[in-house]
C-alpha atoms as a PDB file:
ATOM      1  CA  MET A   1     -42.901 -40.533 -26.228  1.00  0.00           C
ATOM      2  CA  LYS A   2     -42.377 -36.936 -26.406  1.00  0.00           C
ATOM      3  CA  PRO A   3     -43.315 -35.423 -29.902  1.00  0.00           C
ATOM      4  CA  SER A   4     -40.471 -34.343 -31.951  1.00  0.00           C
ATOM      5  CA  ILE A   5     -39.400 -32.493 -35.368  1.00  0.00           C
ATOM      6  CA  LYS A   6     -38.696 -36.048 -36.587  1.00  0.00           C
ATOM      7  CA  GLU A   7     -42.010 -36.981 -36.203  1.00  0.00           C
ATOM      8  CA  ILE A   8     -43.335 -34.182 -37.809  1.00  0.00           C
ATOM      9  CA  ALA A   9     -40.922 -34.746 -41.064  1.00  0.00           C
ATOM     10  CA  LYS A  10     -41.578 -38.177 -41.338  1.00  0.00           C
ATOM     11  CA  ARG A  11     -45.050 -37.495 -41.816  1.00  0.00           C
ATOM     12  CA  LEU A  12     -44.805 -34.832 -44.148  1.00  0.00           C
ATOM     13  CA  ASN A  13     -41.787 -36.276 -46.112  1.00  0.00           C
ATOM     14  CA  ILE A  14     -39.577 -33.684 -45.261  1.00  0.00           C
ATOM     15  CA  ALA A  15     -36.100 -33.005 -44.019  1.00  0.00           C
ATOM     16  CA  PRO A  16     -36.071 -32.330 -39.911  1.00  0.00           C
ATOM     17  CA  SER A  17     -34.408 -29.088 -40.763  1.00  0.00           C
ATOM     18  CA  THR A  18     -36.891 -27.555 -43.021  1.00  0.00           C
ATOM     19  CA  VAL A  19     -39.046 -28.469 -40.409  1.00  0.00           C
ATOM     20  CA  SER A  20     -37.127 -26.201 -37.703  1.00  0.00           C
ATOM     21  CA  ARG A  21     -36.828 -23.538 -40.043  1.00  0.00           C
ATOM     22  CA  ALA A  22     -40.625 -23.346 -40.779  1.00  0.00           C
ATOM     23  CA  LEU A  23     -41.165 -23.574 -37.361  1.00  0.00           C
ATOM     24  CA  ASN A  24     -39.278 -20.339 -36.564  1.00  0.00           C
ATOM     25  CA  ASP A  25     -40.567 -18.975 -39.601  1.00  0.00           C
ATOM     26  CA  LYS A  26     -37.679 -18.253 -41.642  1.00  0.00           C
ATOM     27  CA  HIS A  27     -37.793 -16.360 -44.891  1.00  0.00           C
ATOM     28  CA  ASP A  28     -36.975 -19.082 -47.381  1.00  0.00           C
ATOM     29  CA  ILE A  29     -39.786 -21.171 -46.385  1.00  0.00           C
ATOM     30  CA  SER A  30     -43.159 -20.806 -48.188  1.00  0.00           C
ATOM     31  CA  GLN A  31     -46.315 -19.862 -46.028  1.00  0.00           C
ATOM     32  CA  SER A  32     -47.990 -23.040 -47.115  1.00  0.00           C
ATOM     33  CA  LEU A  33     -45.472 -25.125 -45.539  1.00  0.00           C
ATOM     34  CA  LYS A  34     -45.232 -23.310 -42.856  1.00  0.00           C
ATOM     35  CA  GLU A  35     -48.910 -23.795 -42.565  1.00  0.00           C
ATOM     36  CA  LYS A  36     -48.945 -27.697 -43.189  1.00  0.00           C
ATOM     37  CA  VAL A  37     -45.775 -27.490 -40.489  1.00  0.00           C
ATOM     38  CA  ASN A  38     -47.471 -26.026 -37.558  1.00  0.00           C
ATOM     39  CA  ALA A  39     -50.482 -27.814 -38.499  1.00  0.00           C
ATOM     40  CA  VAL A  40     -48.987 -31.197 -37.667  1.00  0.00           C
ATOM     41  CA  ALA A  41     -47.119 -29.820 -34.516  1.00  0.00           C
ATOM     42  CA  LYS A  42     -50.183 -28.545 -33.086  1.00  0.00           C
ATOM     43  CA  GLU A  43     -52.257 -32.169 -33.992  1.00  0.00           C
ATOM     44  CA  ILE A  44     -49.191 -34.295 -32.187  1.00  0.00           C
ATOM     45  CA  GLY A  45     -48.825 -31.871 -29.406  1.00  0.00           C
ATOM     46  CA  TYR A  46     -45.297 -30.369 -30.523  1.00  0.00           C
ATOM     47  CA  LYS A  47     -44.065 -27.488 -28.007  1.00  0.00           C
ATOM     48  CA  LYS A  48     -40.932 -25.504 -29.572  1.00  0.00           C
ATOM     49  CA  ASN A  49     -38.281 -25.358 -27.023  1.00  0.00           C
ATOM     50  CA  SER A  50     -37.685 -21.622 -26.979  1.00  0.00           C
ATOM     51  CA  ILE A  51     -34.835 -21.772 -24.778  1.00  0.00           C
ATOM     52  CA  ALA A  52     -33.255 -23.545 -27.711  1.00  0.00           C
ATOM     53  CA  ALA A  53     -34.442 -21.505 -30.525  1.00  0.00           C
ATOM     54  CA  ARG A  54     -32.766 -18.527 -28.832  1.00  0.00           C
ATOM     55  CA  LEU A  55     -29.468 -20.342 -28.630  1.00  0.00           C
ATOM     56  CA  VAL A  56     -30.016 -21.280 -32.484  1.00  0.00           C
ATOM     57  CA  ASN A  57     -31.277 -17.737 -33.486  1.00  0.00           C
ATOM     58  CA  LYS A  58     -28.481 -15.862 -31.211  1.00  0.00           C
ATOM     59  CA  LYS A  59     -31.609 -14.098 -29.742  1.00  0.00           C
ATOM     60  CA  SER A  60     -32.462 -13.434 -26.017  1.00  0.00           C
ATOM     61  CA  ASN A  61     -35.929 -12.588 -26.397  1.00  0.00           C
ATOM     62  CA  THR A  62     -35.551 -10.220 -23.354  1.00  0.00           C
ATOM     63  CA  ILE A  63     -36.024  -6.644 -22.553  1.00  0.00           C
ATOM     64  CA  GLY A  64     -34.563  -4.715 -19.351  1.00  0.00           C
ATOM     65  CA  VAL A  65     -36.913  -2.146 -18.256  1.00  0.00           C
ATOM     66  CA  PHE A  66     -34.798   0.206 -15.949  1.00  0.00           C
ATOM     67  CA  PHE A  67     -37.085   1.804 -13.077  1.00  0.00           C
ATOM     68  CA  LEU A  68     -34.911   4.766 -11.749  1.00  0.00           C
ATOM     69  CA  SER A  69     -35.736   7.124  -8.824  1.00  0.00           C
ATOM     70  CA  ARG A  70     -37.376   5.284  -6.239  1.00  0.00           C
ATOM     71  CA  GLU A  71     -34.890   6.444  -3.298  1.00  0.00           C
ATOM     72  CA  HIS A  72     -36.558   9.990  -4.206  1.00  0.00           C
ATOM     73  CA  ILE A  73     -40.056   8.707  -4.385  1.00  0.00           C
ATOM     74  CA  ASN A  74     -41.944   5.661  -2.607  1.00  0.00           C
ATOM     75  CA  SER A  75     -44.112   3.854  -4.985  1.00  0.00           C
ATOM     76  CA  GLU A  76     -47.415   5.383  -4.159  1.00  0.00           C
ATOM     77  CA  GLU A  77     -46.141   8.865  -5.298  1.00  0.00           C
ATOM     78  CA  ASN A  78     -44.161   7.697  -8.271  1.00  0.00           C
ATOM     79  CA  THR A  79     -45.817   8.521 -11.932  1.00  0.00           C
ATOM     80  CA  GLY A  80     -43.150   5.666 -12.839  1.00  0.00           C
ATOM     81  CA  PHE A  81     -45.413   3.295 -11.712  1.00  0.00           C
ATOM     82  CA  LYS A  82     -47.807   4.704 -14.497  1.00  0.00           C
ATOM     83  CA  TYR A  83     -45.365   3.819 -17.500  1.00  0.00           C
ATOM     84  CA  VAL A  84     -44.300  -0.003 -16.219  1.00  0.00           C
ATOM     85  CA  GLU A  85     -47.747  -1.582 -15.632  1.00  0.00           C
ATOM     86  CA  VAL A  86     -48.546  -0.014 -19.547  1.00  0.00           C
ATOM     87  CA  ILE A  87     -45.122  -1.385 -20.507  1.00  0.00           C
ATOM     88  CA  LEU A  88     -44.583  -4.950 -18.805  1.00  0.00           C
ATOM     89  CA  ASP A  89     -48.350  -5.936 -20.244  1.00  0.00           C
ATOM     90  CA  LYS A  90     -46.789  -4.761 -24.318  1.00  0.00           C
ATOM     91  CA  ILE A  91     -44.066  -6.514 -23.751  1.00  0.00           C
ATOM     92  CA  LYS A  92     -45.725  -9.671 -22.750  1.00  0.00           C
ATOM     93  CA  GLN A  93     -47.947  -9.712 -25.919  1.00  0.00           C
ATOM     94  CA  LYS A  94     -44.765  -9.265 -28.005  1.00  0.00           C
ATOM     95  CA  ASN A  95     -43.663 -12.864 -26.187  1.00  0.00           C
ATOM     96  CA  TYR A  96     -40.434 -11.487 -24.379  1.00  0.00           C
ATOM     97  CA  ASP A  97     -39.465 -11.840 -21.447  1.00  0.00           C
ATOM     98  CA  LEU A  98     -38.719  -8.926 -19.182  1.00  0.00           C
ATOM     99  CA  ILE A  99     -36.100  -7.843 -16.326  1.00  0.00           C
ATOM    100  CA  ILE A 100     -36.922  -5.197 -14.065  1.00  0.00           C
ATOM    101  CA  PHE A 101     -34.029  -3.540 -13.087  1.00  0.00           C
ATOM    102  CA  SER A 102     -34.322  -1.077  -9.922  1.00  0.00           C
ATOM    103  CA  VAL A 103     -32.330   0.876  -7.421  1.00  0.00           C
ATOM    104  CA  ASP A 104     -33.636  -1.315  -4.526  1.00  0.00           C
ATOM    105  CA  SER A 105     -32.286  -4.303  -6.123  1.00  0.00           C
ATOM    106  CA  ASP A 106     -29.640  -5.069  -9.591  1.00  0.00           C
ATOM    107  CA  LEU A 107     -28.013  -1.240  -9.170  1.00  0.00           C
ATOM    108  CA  LYS A 108     -27.067  -1.068  -5.828  1.00  0.00           C
ATOM    109  CA  ASP A 109     -23.653  -2.080  -6.461  1.00  0.00           C
ATOM    110  CA  LYS A 110     -23.590   1.062  -8.929  1.00  0.00           C
ATOM    111  CA  LYS A 111     -22.825  -1.288 -12.063  1.00  0.00           C
ATOM    112  CA  LYS A 112     -23.028   0.641 -15.264  1.00  0.00           C
ATOM    113  CA  TYR A 113     -25.959   0.265 -16.799  1.00  0.00           C
ATOM    114  CA  ILE A 114     -24.330  -0.324 -20.122  1.00  0.00           C
ATOM    115  CA  ASP A 115     -22.735  -3.366 -18.767  1.00  0.00           C
ATOM    116  CA  ILE A 116     -25.876  -4.677 -16.924  1.00  0.00           C
ATOM    117  CA  CYS A 117     -27.671  -5.001 -20.496  1.00  0.00           C
ATOM    118  CA  SER A 118     -24.436  -6.842 -21.766  1.00  0.00           C
ATOM    119  CA  GLU A 119     -24.431  -9.115 -18.711  1.00  0.00           C
ATOM    120  CA  ARG A 120     -27.900 -10.088 -19.274  1.00  0.00           C
ATOM    121  CA  GLN A 121     -28.138  -9.806 -23.065  1.00  0.00           C
ATOM    122  CA  VAL A 122     -30.879  -8.024 -23.166  1.00  0.00           C
ATOM    123  CA  GLU A 123     -31.621  -7.085 -26.335  1.00  0.00           C
ATOM    124  CA  GLY A 124     -33.480  -3.829 -25.680  1.00  0.00           C
ATOM    125  CA  ALA A 125     -34.092  -1.421 -23.242  1.00  0.00           C
ATOM    126  CA  ILE A 126     -36.244   1.137 -21.151  1.00  0.00           C
ATOM    127  CA  PHE A 127     -35.411   3.648 -19.206  1.00  0.00           C
ATOM    128  CA  ILE A 128     -38.096   4.938 -16.697  1.00  0.00           C
ATOM    129  CA  GLY A 129     -36.872   7.817 -13.796  1.00  0.00           C
ATOM    130  CA  LEU A 130     -33.554   8.773 -15.357  1.00  0.00           C
ATOM    131  CA  GLU A 131     -32.437  12.118 -13.697  1.00  0.00           C
ATOM    132  CA  ASP A 132     -29.767  14.868 -14.340  1.00  0.00           C
ATOM    133  CA  THR A 133     -27.854  13.587 -11.463  1.00  0.00           C
ATOM    134  CA  ASP A 134     -27.343   9.987 -12.199  1.00  0.00           C
ATOM    135  CA  GLU A 135     -23.746   9.449 -13.278  1.00  0.00           C
ATOM    136  CA  ASN A 136     -24.530   6.802 -16.063  1.00  0.00           C
ATOM    137  CA  THR A 137     -26.305   9.080 -17.715  1.00  0.00           C
ATOM    138  CA  GLU A 138     -23.162   9.981 -20.182  1.00  0.00           C
ATOM    139  CA  LEU A 139     -22.227   6.805 -20.543  1.00  0.00           C
ATOM    140  CA  LEU A 140     -25.630   5.482 -21.949  1.00  0.00           C
ATOM    141  CA  ARG A 141     -24.921   7.516 -25.286  1.00  0.00           C
ATOM    142  CA  ASN A 142     -22.635   4.939 -26.250  1.00  0.00           C
ATOM    143  CA  ILE A 143     -25.043   2.102 -25.830  1.00  0.00           C
ATOM    144  CA  ASP A 144     -25.282  -0.668 -28.514  1.00  0.00           C
ATOM    145  CA  ILE A 145     -28.695  -2.016 -27.749  1.00  0.00           C
ATOM    146  CA  PRO A 146     -31.768   0.020 -28.866  1.00  0.00           C
ATOM    147  CA  THR A 147     -33.135   2.131 -26.203  1.00  0.00           C
ATOM    148  CA  VAL A 148     -35.968   4.044 -25.247  1.00  0.00           C
ATOM    149  CA  ILE A 149     -35.762   6.776 -22.096  1.00  0.00           C
ATOM    150  CA  LEU A 150     -39.040   8.330 -20.892  1.00  0.00           C
ATOM    151  CA  GLU A 151     -38.815  11.922 -19.899  1.00  0.00           C
ATOM    152  CA  LYS A 152     -35.463  12.548 -20.320  1.00  0.00           C
ATOM    153  CA  ARG A 153     -33.660  13.589 -23.041  1.00  0.00           C
ATOM    154  CA  VAL A 154     -30.127  11.560 -23.804  1.00  0.00           C
ATOM    155  CA  SER A 155     -28.659  11.901 -27.723  1.00  0.00           C
ATOM    156  CA  GLY A 156     -27.149   8.798 -28.857  1.00  0.00           C
ATOM    157  CA  LYS A 157     -27.606   6.499 -31.759  1.00  0.00           C
ATOM    158  CA  ASN A 158     -29.304   4.017 -30.462  1.00  0.00           C
ATOM    159  CA  ILE A 159     -31.576   6.156 -28.069  1.00  0.00           C
ATOM    160  CA  SER A 160     -35.296   7.183 -28.662  1.00  0.00           C
ATOM    161  CA  TYR A 161     -36.953   9.746 -26.624  1.00  0.00           C
ATOM    162  CA  ILE A 162     -40.859   9.532 -25.548  1.00  0.00           C
ATOM    163  CA  GLY A 163     -41.635  12.553 -23.903  1.00  0.00           C
ATOM    164  CA  SER A 164     -44.544  15.461 -22.984  1.00  0.00           C
ATOM    165  CA  ASP A 165     -44.785  18.661 -23.900  1.00  0.00           C
ATOM    166  CA  ASN A 166     -44.549  20.137 -20.506  1.00  0.00           C
ATOM    167  CA  GLU A 167     -44.292  23.950 -21.753  1.00  0.00           C
ATOM    168  CA  TYR A 168     -47.003  23.365 -23.780  1.00  0.00           C
ATOM    169  CA  GLY A 169     -48.829  22.124 -20.548  1.00  0.00           C
ATOM    170  CA  VAL A 170     -47.927  24.779 -18.189  1.00  0.00           C
ATOM    171  CA  ASN A 171     -48.908  27.475 -20.751  1.00  0.00           C
ATOM    172  CA  SER A 172     -52.589  26.121 -21.225  1.00  0.00           C
ATOM    173  CA  ILE A 173     -52.578  26.266 -17.430  1.00  0.00           C
ATOM    174  CA  LEU A 174     -51.551  30.069 -17.457  1.00  0.00           C
ATOM    175  CA  ASP A 175     -54.010  30.928 -20.100  1.00  0.00           C
ATOM    176  CA  HIS A 176     -56.603  29.391 -17.639  1.00  0.00           C
ATOM    177  CA  LEU A 177     -55.991  30.977 -15.262  1.00  0.00           C
ATOM    178  CA  PHE A 178     -55.496  34.198 -16.745  1.00  0.00           C
ATOM    179  CA  GLU A 179     -58.917  33.975 -18.698  1.00  0.00           C
ATOM    180  CA  LEU A 180     -60.189  33.795 -14.931  1.00  0.00           C
ATOM    181  CA  ASN A 181     -58.437  36.982 -13.990  1.00  0.00           C
ATOM    182  CA  HIS A 182     -55.826  35.681 -11.902  1.00  0.00           C
ATOM    183  CA  LYS A 183     -52.952  37.638 -11.680  1.00  0.00           C
ATOM    184  CA  ASP A 184     -50.861  36.526  -8.226  1.00  0.00           C
ATOM    185  CA  ILE A 185     -49.964  33.181  -9.149  1.00  0.00           C
ATOM    186  CA  ALA A 186     -47.722  30.721  -7.085  1.00  0.00           C
ATOM    187  CA  PHE A 187     -46.191  27.851  -8.454  1.00  0.00           C
ATOM    188  CA  ILE A 188     -45.205  24.930  -6.370  1.00  0.00           C
ATOM    189  CA  LYS A 189     -42.075  23.096  -8.232  1.00  0.00           C
ATOM    190  CA  GLY A 190     -39.823  20.146  -8.292  1.00  0.00           C
ATOM    191  CA  PRO A 191     -36.386  19.347  -8.121  1.00  0.00           C
ATOM    192  CA  ASP A 192     -34.353  20.494 -10.023  1.00  0.00           C
ATOM    193  CA  PHE A 193     -32.402  17.685 -10.809  1.00  0.00           C
ATOM    194  CA  ILE A 194     -35.380  16.358 -12.022  1.00  0.00           C
ATOM    195  CA  GLU A 195     -35.843  16.837 -15.773  1.00  0.00           C
ATOM    196  CA  CYS A 196     -39.556  17.813 -16.128  1.00  0.00           C
ATOM    197  CA  SER A 197     -39.287  19.755 -12.839  1.00  0.00           C
ATOM    198  CA  LYS A 198     -36.924  22.306 -14.851  1.00  0.00           C
ATOM    199  CA  ASP A 199     -39.512  21.877 -18.128  1.00  0.00           C
ATOM    200  CA  ARG A 200     -42.355  23.079 -15.937  1.00  0.00           C
ATOM    201  CA  PHE A 201     -40.864  25.793 -14.195  1.00  0.00           C
ATOM    202  CA  MET A 202     -39.241  27.418 -17.142  1.00  0.00           C
ATOM    203  CA  PRO A 203     -42.266  28.142 -19.016  1.00  0.00           C
ATOM    204  CA  PHE A 204     -44.315  29.587 -15.914  1.00  0.00           C
ATOM    205  CA  TYR A 205     -40.774  31.945 -14.937  1.00  0.00           C
ATOM    206  CA  LYS A 206     -40.272  33.114 -18.839  1.00  0.00           C
ATOM    207  CA  ARG A 207     -43.769  34.231 -19.352  1.00  0.00           C
ATOM    208  CA  MET A 208     -44.379  35.498 -16.091  1.00  0.00           C
ATOM    209  CA  ASN A 209     -41.482  37.646 -15.857  1.00  0.00           C
ATOM    210  CA  TYR A 210     -42.640  38.710 -19.473  1.00  0.00           C
ATOM    211  CA  LEU A 211     -45.398  40.248 -18.746  1.00  0.00           C
ATOM    212  CA  ASN A 212     -43.619  41.482 -15.361  1.00  0.00           C
ATOM    213  CA  LEU A 213     -45.956  38.930 -12.495  1.00  0.00           C
ATOM    214  CA  TYR A 214     -43.801  37.311 -11.321  1.00  0.00           C
ATOM    215  CA  LYS A 215     -42.724  37.121  -7.790  1.00  0.00           C
ATOM    216  CA  GLU A 216     -40.025  34.784  -6.220  1.00  0.00           C
ATOM    217  CA  LYS A 217     -41.927  34.493  -3.165  1.00  0.00           C
ATOM    218  CA  PHE A 218     -44.521  33.028  -5.126  1.00  0.00           C
ATOM    219  CA  VAL A 219     -42.223  30.027  -6.104  1.00  0.00           C
ATOM    220  CA  LYS A 220     -41.603  27.204  -3.629  1.00  0.00           C
ATOM    221  CA  GLU A 221     -39.469  23.914  -4.326  1.00  0.00           C
ATOM    222  CA  GLY A 222     -41.199  20.468  -3.469  1.00  0.00           C
ATOM    223  CA  ASN A 223     -40.233  16.888  -4.238  1.00  0.00           C
ATOM    224  CA  PHE A 224     -43.633  15.328  -5.903  1.00  0.00           C
ATOM    225  CA  ARG A 225     -44.871  14.447  -2.561  1.00  0.00           C
ATOM    226  CA  LEU A 226     -47.772  14.749  -0.697  1.00  0.00           C
ATOM    227  CA  LYS A 227     -46.047  16.104   2.177  1.00  0.00           C
ATOM    228  CA  SER A 228     -43.861  18.556   0.592  1.00  0.00           C
ATOM    229  CA  GLY A 229     -47.261  19.952  -1.151  1.00  0.00           C
ATOM    230  CA  TYR A 230     -48.332  20.903   2.204  1.00  0.00           C
ATOM    231  CA  THR A 231     -45.288  22.529   3.533  1.00  0.00           C
ATOM    232  CA  ALA A 232     -44.905  24.785   0.313  1.00  0.00           C
ATOM    233  CA  ALA A 233     -48.606  25.634   0.145  1.00  0.00           C
ATOM    234  CA  LYS A 234     -48.178  26.706   4.428  1.00  0.00           C
ATOM    235  CA  GLU A 235     -45.631  28.795   3.377  1.00  0.00           C
ATOM    236  CA  LEU A 236     -47.281  30.880   0.938  1.00  0.00           C
ATOM    237  CA  LEU A 237     -50.181  30.793   2.785  1.00  0.00           C
ATOM    238  CA  GLU A 238     -48.259  32.536   5.519  1.00  0.00           C
ATOM    239  CA  LEU A 239     -47.177  35.137   3.268  1.00  0.00           C
ATOM    240  CA  ASP A 240     -48.855  38.797   3.950  1.00  0.00           C
ATOM    241  CA  GLU A 241     -49.212  39.089   0.245  1.00  0.00           C
ATOM    242  CA  LYS A 242     -50.919  35.954  -1.048  1.00  0.00           C
ATOM    243  CA  PRO A 243     -51.681  34.768  -4.391  1.00  0.00           C
ATOM    244  CA  THR A 244     -55.440  34.027  -5.626  1.00  0.00           C
ATOM    245  CA  ALA A 245     -54.161  31.335  -7.253  1.00  0.00           C
ATOM    246  CA  ILE A 246     -51.506  28.027  -6.778  1.00  0.00           C
ATOM    247  CA  ILE A 247     -49.989  26.209  -9.625  1.00  0.00           C
ATOM    248  CA  ALA A 248     -48.420  22.859  -8.210  1.00  0.00           C
ATOM    249  CA  SER A 249     -46.062  20.829 -10.817  1.00  0.00           C
ATOM    250  CA  SER A 250     -47.984  17.507  -9.815  1.00  0.00           C
ATOM    251  CA  ASP A 251     -51.227  16.464  -8.398  1.00  0.00           C
ATOM    252  CA  LEU A 252     -49.890  15.389  -5.498  1.00  0.00           C
ATOM    253  CA  MET A 253     -48.525  18.367  -4.455  1.00  0.00           C
ATOM    254  CA  ALA A 254     -51.986  19.987  -5.184  1.00  0.00           C
ATOM    255  CA  ILE A 255     -53.355  17.553  -2.699  1.00  0.00           C
ATOM    256  CA  GLY A 256     -51.048  18.354  -0.327  1.00  0.00           C
ATOM    257  CA  ALA A 257     -51.911  21.955  -1.408  1.00  0.00           C
ATOM    258  CA  MET A 258     -55.467  20.830  -0.423  1.00  0.00           C
ATOM    259  CA  LYS A 259     -54.834  20.075   3.018  1.00  0.00           C
ATOM    260  CA  ALA A 260     -52.837  23.411   4.187  1.00  0.00           C
ATOM    261  CA  ILE A 261     -55.609  25.733   2.427  1.00  0.00           C
ATOM    262  CA  GLU A 262     -58.085  23.835   4.288  1.00  0.00           C
ATOM    263  CA  GLU A 263     -56.622  24.299   7.484  1.00  0.00           C
ATOM    264  CA  LYS A 264     -55.657  28.081   6.994  1.00  0.00           C
ATOM    265  CA  GLY A 265     -59.585  28.196   6.903  1.00  0.00           C
ATOM    266  CA  LEU A 266     -59.776  29.222   2.928  1.00  0.00           C
ATOM    267  CA  LYS A 267     -61.601  27.662   0.423  1.00  0.00           C
ATOM    268  CA  ILE A 268     -60.829  26.248  -2.802  1.00  0.00           C
ATOM    269  CA  PRO A 269     -61.943  28.050  -5.353  1.00  0.00           C
ATOM    270  CA  ASP A 270     -63.751  30.576  -3.579  1.00  0.00           C
ATOM    271  CA  ASP A 271     -60.778  32.377  -1.859  1.00  0.00           C
ATOM    272  CA  ILE A 272     -57.748  30.312  -3.808  1.00  0.00           C
ATOM    273  CA  SER A 273     -57.723  28.763  -6.980  1.00  0.00           C
ATOM    274  CA  LEU A 274     -55.875  25.282  -7.608  1.00  0.00           C
ATOM    275  CA  VAL A 275     -54.473  23.506 -10.215  1.00  0.00           C
ATOM    276  CA  GLY A 276     -51.983  20.490 -10.286  1.00  0.00           C
ATOM    277  CA  TYR A 277     -50.009  18.619 -13.148  1.00  0.00           C
ATOM    278  CA  ASP A 278     -50.456  14.853 -13.909  1.00  0.00           C
ATOM    279  CA  GLY A 279     -53.871  13.968 -14.448  1.00  0.00           C
ATOM    280  CA  PHE A 280     -54.539  11.426 -11.862  1.00  0.00           C
ATOM    281  CA  ASP A 281     -57.674   9.647 -11.693  1.00  0.00           C
ATOM    282  CA  VAL A 282     -57.990  10.724  -8.035  1.00  0.00           C
ATOM    283  CA  GLY A 283     -58.296  14.089  -9.248  1.00  0.00           C
ATOM    284  CA  ALA A 284     -61.627  14.046 -10.105  1.00  0.00           C
ATOM    285  CA  PHE A 285     -63.418  12.401  -6.805  1.00  0.00           C
ATOM    286  CA  LEU A 286     -61.846  15.335  -4.686  1.00  0.00           C
ATOM    287  CA  SER A 287     -64.085  17.921  -3.332  1.00  0.00           C
ATOM    288  CA  PRO A 288     -63.955  20.179  -5.092  1.00  0.00           C
ATOM    289  CA  SER A 289     -62.546  17.996  -8.175  1.00  0.00           C
ATOM    290  CA  LEU A 290     -58.593  18.954  -9.112  1.00  0.00           C
ATOM    291  CA  THR A 291     -58.001  21.355 -12.316  1.00  0.00           C
ATOM    292  CA  THR A 292     -54.806  19.565 -13.790  1.00  0.00           C
ATOM    293  CA  VAL A 293     -52.942  19.092 -17.073  1.00  0.00           C
ATOM    294  CA  LEU A 294     -53.233  15.477 -18.011  1.00  0.00           C
ATOM    295  CA  GLN A 295     -50.675  13.061 -19.258  1.00  0.00           C
ATOM    296  CA  ASP A 296     -51.318  10.188 -21.354  1.00  0.00           C
ATOM    297  CA  PHE A 297     -49.360   8.401 -19.339  1.00  0.00           C
ATOM    298  CA  GLN A 298     -50.861   4.900 -21.291  1.00  0.00           C
ATOM    299  CA  ALA A 299     -50.242   6.211 -24.864  1.00  0.00           C
ATOM    300  CA  MET A 300     -46.672   7.417 -24.074  1.00  0.00           C
ATOM    301  CA  GLY A 301     -45.688   3.510 -22.380  1.00  0.00           C
ATOM    302  CA  GLU A 302     -47.446   2.120 -25.438  1.00  0.00           C
ATOM    303  CA  LYS A 303     -45.458   4.194 -27.282  1.00  0.00           C
ATOM    304  CA  ALA A 304     -41.888   3.418 -25.659  1.00  0.00           C
ATOM    305  CA  VAL A 305     -42.677  -0.280 -26.377  1.00  0.00           C
ATOM    306  CA  ASP A 306     -43.809   0.300 -30.107  1.00  0.00           C
ATOM    307  CA  VAL A 307     -40.336   2.433 -30.967  1.00  0.00           C
ATOM    308  CA  LEU A 308     -38.500  -0.379 -29.378  1.00  0.00           C
ATOM    309  CA  PHE A 309     -39.414  -2.827 -31.169  1.00  0.00           C
ATOM    310  CA  SER A 310     -39.177  -1.169 -34.706  1.00  0.00           C
ATOM    311  CA  MET A 311     -35.681  -0.483 -33.838  1.00  0.00           C
ATOM    312  CA  ILE A 312     -35.078  -3.887 -32.473  1.00  0.00           C
ATOM    313  CA  GLU A 313     -36.916  -5.732 -35.414  1.00  0.00           C
ATOM    314  CA  GLU A 314     -37.240  -3.275 -38.432  1.00  0.00           C
ATOM    315  CA  LYS A 315     -34.118  -1.201 -37.355  1.00  0.00           C
ATOM    316  CA  ASP A 316     -35.604   1.703 -37.890  1.00  0.00           C
ATOM    317  CA  GLU A 317     -33.779   4.743 -36.637  1.00  0.00           C
ATOM    318  CA  ALA A 318     -34.107   6.236 -33.163  1.00  0.00           C
ATOM    319  CA  VAL A 319     -36.579   9.062 -32.901  1.00  0.00           C
ATOM    320  CA  ASN A 320     -37.638  11.930 -30.403  1.00  0.00           C
ATOM    321  CA  ILE A 321     -41.851  12.130 -30.014  1.00  0.00           C
ATOM    322  CA  VAL A 322     -43.453  14.378 -28.252  1.00  0.00           C
ATOM    323  CA  PHE A 323     -47.084  14.181 -26.687  1.00  0.00           C
ATOM    324  CA  LYS A 324     -49.259  16.795 -25.985  1.00  0.00           C
ATOM    325  CA  PRO A 325     -51.057  17.181 -22.780  1.00  0.00           C
ATOM    326  CA  LYS A 326     -54.196  18.466 -21.872  1.00  0.00           C
ATOM    327  CA  LEU A 327     -55.800  20.372 -19.767  1.00  0.00           C
ATOM    328  CA  ILE A 328     -58.649  19.026 -17.882  1.00  0.00           C
ATOM    329  CA  GLU A 329     -60.969  22.025 -16.192  1.00  0.00           C
ATOM    330  CA  ARG A 330     -62.945  21.143 -12.733  1.00  0.00           C
ATOM    331  CA  LYS A 331     -64.264  22.879  -9.869  1.00  0.00           C
ATOM    332  CA  SER A 332     -60.895  24.139  -8.140  1.00  0.00           C
ATOM    333  CA  THR A 333     -60.549  26.731 -10.057  1.00  0.00           C
ATOM    334  CA  LYS A 334     -62.368  29.988 -10.641  1.00  0.00           C
ATOM    335  CA  LYS A 335     -62.884  33.957 -12.035  1.00  0.00           C
ATOM    336  CA  ILE A 336     -62.007  36.578  -9.450  1.00  0.00           C
ATOM    337  CA  PHE A 337     -63.553  39.744  -9.692  1.00  0.00           C
ATOM    338  CA  SER A 338     -61.340  42.802  -8.705  1.00  0.00           C
END
């Protein structure tokens, strides 16, 4: 016969309802009684019906993770995957279930994100890769469940923001290149509909313009993919006046640029310096190793989950948290002498 709450109640001479409340860790049950109930439950092999418990508590114990932008950037070239693994592992540790929504599946019919959350009864949501062009962005401001958005600022009562200080990151690159005597610096930016693209380009534009060093011809647009970095670098190297250094606003575009520089018969860093952004592990294994700005995807992903559960369980207010990235100096940059 399957072990039951009634059997536990009979052994401890208490009411089944008390056993149920103890197993569900209710505050009106003493800790000592909870321990006795759980000990007997373990002894007889009783397994709590988690689905039934959720129905009683009117909780789904489910988190929705919205993984967007995949129609623009394929899986091998999407920094969002750096967050996903961390987030999924940490949510599982909380004993919550997960539903992953992506443009490949649930969102194809252009359902509103708020409606999806309601239909699936998720208790909280995390958004990765939300873009300026997404028509759902404005609607999200009124979402009524705890929500965390990574790298996209959306204001709302129930929305927390976790991001990286791109201005600090880009200025750390410029500090480094100026120390190496570079003035003719090119920039390969990302698409304008992605917030971090603008956040990385604007500090470059403002500072270079202030120093009268900005040259529009030294700015090319990519899409964070390898090939776009390759194409942009080729265009820069066809100019009569060539840059002495190139900043790519992603490591992948920097790697693409490496190939274009090599095909041109130039050497990094002897003929031209190169800097990436993101801090992918592969950068350390390139030849030469890539100078880059490291974003701590692990810490940001973990913080996103911590913040979400503080909003769900502790009813904490929404917060904005910005991480400072770190410049990693490697072999792809070199001092020039004029």
